[in-house]
Amino acid sequence: MASDIFINYSLLGMRLSYKLLGTSLTNLAIESTCGSIFTGGVTLDDLLREQAKLETQNIGTIGMSVVEGLREVSEEKLDHFLDFTMEAINKITKGRDEGHMAVKLTAFVSMEVMEKVSKAQRTFIEQILCTPINASSNNVLSQE
């Protein structure tokens, strides 16, 4: 997993697999191989099972649903995401004093809007701050 080949080409390979094999088969392959390294599962039931297992070892969990990158965001999709989020929060906290759920608000923003914000940020840094963005450097601003 830490190899440069995997890091540099995994997203490309995954996209290609989605096109050639489809979503269900690709997701099955991911879930049955490396998916468990990064997540406790893909469904709310998976999360609750993992949460219960880890609680016995006094390890806390954070529920998170990654939803972003949609080109077309319909009211129906947003309502579905909201319903899922509310259900997850209710189930994660059921019978507990607290629960942890990370909610990515970018789920409510279309990819087109995020691309415009990214372009505006880049323009601000390069043209307003007069600072070139160097992808090989972690330093965005110089000491000057």
C-alpha atoms as a PDB file:
ATOM      1  CA  MET A   1       0.000   0.000   0.000  1.00  0.00           C
ATOM      2  CA  ALA A   2       2.887   2.372   0.638  1.00  0.00           C
ATOM      3  CA  SER A   3       4.507   1.835  -2.748  1.00  0.00           C
ATOM      4  CA  ASP A   4       4.719   4.773  -5.132  1.00  0.00           C
ATOM      5  CA  ILE A   5       3.130   2.683  -7.885  1.00  0.00           C
ATOM      6  CA  PHE A   6       0.052   1.997  -5.742  1.00  0.00           C
ATOM      7  CA  ILE A   7      -0.169   5.580  -4.493  1.00  0.00           C
ATOM      8  CA  ASN A   8       0.277   7.132  -7.940  1.00  0.00           C
ATOM      9  CA  TYR A   9      -1.927   4.786  -9.960  1.00  0.00           C
ATOM     10  CA  SER A  10      -4.598   3.373  -7.621  1.00  0.00           C
ATOM     11  CA  LEU A  11      -7.152   6.073  -8.413  1.00  0.00           C
ATOM     12  CA  LEU A  12      -6.577   5.624 -12.143  1.00  0.00           C
ATOM     13  CA  GLY A  13      -6.914   1.852 -11.757  1.00  0.00           C
ATOM     14  CA  MET A  14     -10.082   2.221  -9.724  1.00  0.00           C
ATOM     15  CA  ARG A  15     -11.677   4.547 -12.284  1.00  0.00           C
ATOM     16  CA  LEU A  16     -10.735   2.175 -15.091  1.00  0.00           C
ATOM     17  CA  SER A  17     -12.169  -0.743 -13.143  1.00  0.00           C
ATOM     18  CA  TYR A  18     -15.434   1.133 -12.581  1.00  0.00           C
ATOM     19  CA  LYS A  19     -15.718   1.677 -16.333  1.00  0.00           C
ATOM     20  CA  LEU A  20     -14.763  -1.875 -17.329  1.00  0.00           C
ATOM     21  CA  LEU A  21     -16.207  -3.977 -14.495  1.00  0.00           C
ATOM     22  CA  GLY A  22     -18.905  -1.700 -13.123  1.00  0.00           C
ATOM     23  CA  THR A  23     -19.538  -0.294  -9.678  1.00  0.00           C
ATOM     24  CA  SER A  24     -20.762  -3.450  -7.931  1.00  0.00           C
ATOM     25  CA  LEU A  25     -17.891  -5.721  -8.991  1.00  0.00           C
ATOM     26  CA  THR A  26     -15.230  -3.063  -8.361  1.00  0.00           C
ATOM     27  CA  ASN A  27     -16.628  -2.246  -4.920  1.00  0.00           C
ATOM     28  CA  LEU A  28     -16.799  -5.957  -4.070  1.00  0.00           C
ATOM     29  CA  ALA A  29     -13.128  -6.340  -5.014  1.00  0.00           C
ATOM     30  CA  ILE A  30     -12.147  -3.318  -2.905  1.00  0.00           C
ATOM     31  CA  GLU A  31     -14.250  -4.400   0.082  1.00  0.00           C
ATOM     32  CA  SER A  32     -12.902  -7.945   0.055  1.00  0.00           C
ATOM     33  CA  THR A  33      -9.239  -6.926  -0.281  1.00  0.00           C
ATOM     34  CA  CYS A  34      -7.824  -3.598   0.917  1.00  0.00           C
ATOM     35  CA  GLY A  35     -11.065  -1.875   1.955  1.00  0.00           C
ATOM     36  CA  SER A  36     -10.975  -3.220   5.497  1.00  0.00           C
ATOM     37  CA  ILE A  37      -7.624  -1.521   6.080  1.00  0.00           C
ATOM     38  CA  PHE A  38      -9.203   1.906   5.675  1.00  0.00           C
ATOM     39  CA  THR A  39     -12.794   1.453   6.869  1.00  0.00           C
ATOM     40  CA  GLY A  40     -14.979  -0.603   9.141  1.00  0.00           C
ATOM     41  CA  GLY A  41     -17.306  -1.313   6.250  1.00  0.00           C
ATOM     42  CA  VAL A  42     -19.565   0.292   3.724  1.00  0.00           C
ATOM     43  CA  THR A  43     -22.969   0.160   5.417  1.00  0.00           C
ATOM     44  CA  LEU A  44     -24.346   1.531   8.642  1.00  0.00           C
ATOM     45  CA  ASP A  45     -24.711  -2.023   9.957  1.00  0.00           C
ATOM     46  CA  ASP A  46     -20.997  -2.602   9.239  1.00  0.00           C
ATOM     47  CA  LEU A  47     -20.159   0.538  11.214  1.00  0.00           C
ATOM     48  CA  LEU A  48     -22.303  -0.504  14.188  1.00  0.00           C
ATOM     49  CA  ARG A  49     -20.744  -4.013  14.262  1.00  0.00           C
ATOM     50  CA  GLU A  50     -17.239  -2.512  14.173  1.00  0.00           C
ATOM     51  CA  GLN A  51     -18.190   0.061  16.809  1.00  0.00           C
ATOM     52  CA  ALA A  52     -19.451  -2.674  19.174  1.00  0.00           C
ATOM     53  CA  LYS A  53     -16.321  -4.785  18.600  1.00  0.00           C
ATOM     54  CA  LEU A  54     -13.956  -1.877  19.256  1.00  0.00           C
ATOM     55  CA  GLU A  55     -15.875  -0.721  22.334  1.00  0.00           C
ATOM     56  CA  THR A  56     -14.989  -4.022  24.040  1.00  0.00           C
ATOM     57  CA  GLN A  57     -11.347  -2.956  23.662  1.00  0.00           C
ATOM     58  CA  ASN A  58     -12.098   0.576  24.922  1.00  0.00           C
ATOM     59  CA  ILE A  59     -11.488   2.041  21.458  1.00  0.00           C
ATOM     60  CA  GLY A  60     -13.755   4.809  20.196  1.00  0.00           C
ATOM     61  CA  THR A  61     -15.016   5.173  16.645  1.00  0.00           C
ATOM     62  CA  ILE A  62     -16.066   7.948  14.306  1.00  0.00           C
ATOM     63  CA  GLY A  63     -18.745   7.361  11.732  1.00  0.00           C
ATOM     64  CA  MET A  64     -18.195   9.065   8.410  1.00  0.00           C
ATOM     65  CA  SER A  65     -19.828   8.950   5.051  1.00  0.00           C
ATOM     66  CA  VAL A  66     -17.848  10.263   2.102  1.00  0.00           C
ATOM     67  CA  VAL A  67     -20.155  12.002  -0.310  1.00  0.00           C
ATOM     68  CA  GLU A  68     -18.695  14.461  -2.773  1.00  0.00           C
ATOM     69  CA  GLY A  69     -17.583  14.767  -6.320  1.00  0.00           C
ATOM     70  CA  LEU A  70     -21.052  14.521  -7.801  1.00  0.00           C
ATOM     71  CA  ARG A  71     -21.440  16.395 -11.065  1.00  0.00           C
ATOM     72  CA  GLU A  72     -25.219  16.499 -10.744  1.00  0.00           C
ATOM     73  CA  VAL A  73     -26.627  17.073  -7.271  1.00  0.00           C
ATOM     74  CA  SER A  74     -30.411  16.650  -7.190  1.00  0.00           C
ATOM     75  CA  GLU A  75     -32.747  17.446  -4.323  1.00  0.00           C
ATOM     76  CA  GLU A  76     -33.475  13.704  -4.140  1.00  0.00           C
ATOM     77  CA  LYS A  77     -29.788  12.872  -3.617  1.00  0.00           C
ATOM     78  CA  LEU A  78     -29.425  15.587  -0.987  1.00  0.00           C
ATOM     79  CA  ASP A  79     -32.545  14.343   0.827  1.00  0.00           C
ATOM     80  CA  HIS A  80     -31.161  10.781   0.743  1.00  0.00           C
ATOM     81  CA  PHE A  81     -27.833  11.951   2.199  1.00  0.00           C
ATOM     82  CA  LEU A  82     -29.626  13.933   4.914  1.00  0.00           C
ATOM     83  CA  ASP A  83     -31.849  10.953   5.813  1.00  0.00           C
ATOM     84  CA  PHE A  84     -28.830   8.628   5.957  1.00  0.00           C
ATOM     85  CA  THR A  85     -26.875  11.084   8.115  1.00  0.00           C
ATOM     86  CA  MET A  86     -29.748  11.489  10.589  1.00  0.00           C
ATOM     87  CA  GLU A  87     -30.275   7.714  10.754  1.00  0.00           C
ATOM     88  CA  ALA A  88     -26.539   7.187  11.332  1.00  0.00           C
ATOM     89  CA  ILE A  89     -26.413   9.751  14.138  1.00  0.00           C
ATOM     90  CA  ASN A  90     -29.467   8.205  15.809  1.00  0.00           C
ATOM     91  CA  LYS A  91     -28.062   4.666  15.602  1.00  0.00           C
ATOM     92  CA  ILE A  92     -24.508   5.623  16.621  1.00  0.00           C
ATOM     93  CA  THR A  93     -25.768   7.371  19.756  1.00  0.00           C
ATOM     94  CA  LYS A  94     -28.560   4.935  20.671  1.00  0.00           C
ATOM     95  CA  GLY A  95     -28.115   3.852  24.307  1.00  0.00           C
ATOM     96  CA  ARG A  96     -24.930   5.935  24.647  1.00  0.00           C
ATOM     97  CA  ASP A  97     -24.078   9.245  26.249  1.00  0.00           C
ATOM     98  CA  GLU A  98     -22.159  10.327  23.164  1.00  0.00           C
ATOM     99  CA  GLY A  99     -21.259   9.377  19.630  1.00  0.00           C
ATOM    100  CA  HIS A 100     -18.974  10.709  16.949  1.00  0.00           C
ATOM    101  CA  MET A 101     -19.973  11.391  13.357  1.00  0.00           C
ATOM    102  CA  ALA A 102     -17.980  13.335  10.799  1.00  0.00           C
ATOM    103  CA  VAL A 103     -20.197  15.097   8.291  1.00  0.00           C
ATOM    104  CA  LYS A 104     -18.601  16.486   5.152  1.00  0.00           C
ATOM    105  CA  LEU A 105     -20.578  19.562   4.220  1.00  0.00           C
ATOM    106  CA  THR A 106     -19.099  19.389   0.727  1.00  0.00           C
ATOM    107  CA  ALA A 107     -21.672  16.667   0.117  1.00  0.00           C
ATOM    108  CA  PHE A 108     -24.150  19.486  -0.308  1.00  0.00           C
ATOM    109  CA  VAL A 109     -22.020  21.258  -2.940  1.00  0.00           C
ATOM    110  CA  SER A 110     -21.737  20.231  -6.576  1.00  0.00           C
ATOM    111  CA  MET A 111     -18.368  19.368  -8.074  1.00  0.00           C
ATOM    112  CA  GLU A 112     -18.707  22.356 -10.405  1.00  0.00           C
ATOM    113  CA  VAL A 113     -18.959  24.766  -7.457  1.00  0.00           C
ATOM    114  CA  MET A 114     -15.999  23.122  -5.682  1.00  0.00           C
ATOM    115  CA  GLU A 115     -13.901  23.477  -8.859  1.00  0.00           C
ATOM    116  CA  LYS A 116     -14.799  27.184  -9.038  1.00  0.00           C
ATOM    117  CA  VAL A 117     -13.825  27.686  -5.388  1.00  0.00           C
ATOM    118  CA  SER A 118     -10.540  25.869  -6.000  1.00  0.00           C
ATOM    119  CA  LYS A 119      -9.821  28.059  -9.031  1.00  0.00           C
ATOM    120  CA  ALA A 120     -10.666  31.201  -7.025  1.00  0.00           C
ATOM    121  CA  GLN A 121      -8.319  30.089  -4.238  1.00  0.00           C
ATOM    122  CA  ARG A 122      -5.510  29.443  -6.720  1.00  0.00           C
ATOM    123  CA  THR A 123      -6.092  32.834  -8.369  1.00  0.00           C
ATOM    124  CA  PHE A 124      -6.043  34.558  -4.978  1.00  0.00           C
ATOM    125  CA  ILE A 125      -2.743  32.933  -3.999  1.00  0.00           C
ATOM    126  CA  GLU A 126      -1.017  33.493  -7.329  1.00  0.00           C
ATOM    127  CA  GLN A 127      -2.406  36.889  -8.422  1.00  0.00           C
ATOM    128  CA  ILE A 128      -3.379  38.692  -5.208  1.00  0.00           C
ATOM    129  CA  LEU A 129      -0.663  37.329  -2.921  1.00  0.00           C
ATOM    130  CA  CYS A 130       1.776  37.104  -5.859  1.00  0.00           C
ATOM    131  CA  THR A 131       2.941  33.712  -4.640  1.00  0.00           C
ATOM    132  CA  PRO A 132       3.508  30.927  -7.138  1.00  0.00           C
ATOM    133  CA  ILE A 133       2.110  27.566  -6.098  1.00  0.00           C
ATOM    134  CA  ASN A 134       4.866  24.991  -6.087  1.00  0.00           C
ATOM    135  CA  ALA A 135       3.404  21.486  -5.880  1.00  0.00           C
ATOM    136  CA  SER A 136       6.715  20.033  -4.698  1.00  0.00           C
ATOM    137  CA  SER A 137       6.879  22.366  -1.698  1.00  0.00           C
ATOM    138  CA  ASN A 138       4.814  22.280   1.478  1.00  0.00           C
ATOM    139  CA  ASN A 139       5.402  26.006   1.935  1.00  0.00           C
ATOM    140  CA  VAL A 140       2.744  28.100   0.260  1.00  0.00           C
ATOM    141  CA  LEU A 141       4.021  31.423   1.546  1.00  0.00           C
ATOM    142  CA  SER A 142       7.646  32.444   1.912  1.00  0.00           C
ATOM    143  CA  GLN A 143       9.041  34.215   4.993  1.00  0.00           C
ATOM    144  CA  GLU A 144       9.063  37.503   3.123  1.00  0.00           C
END
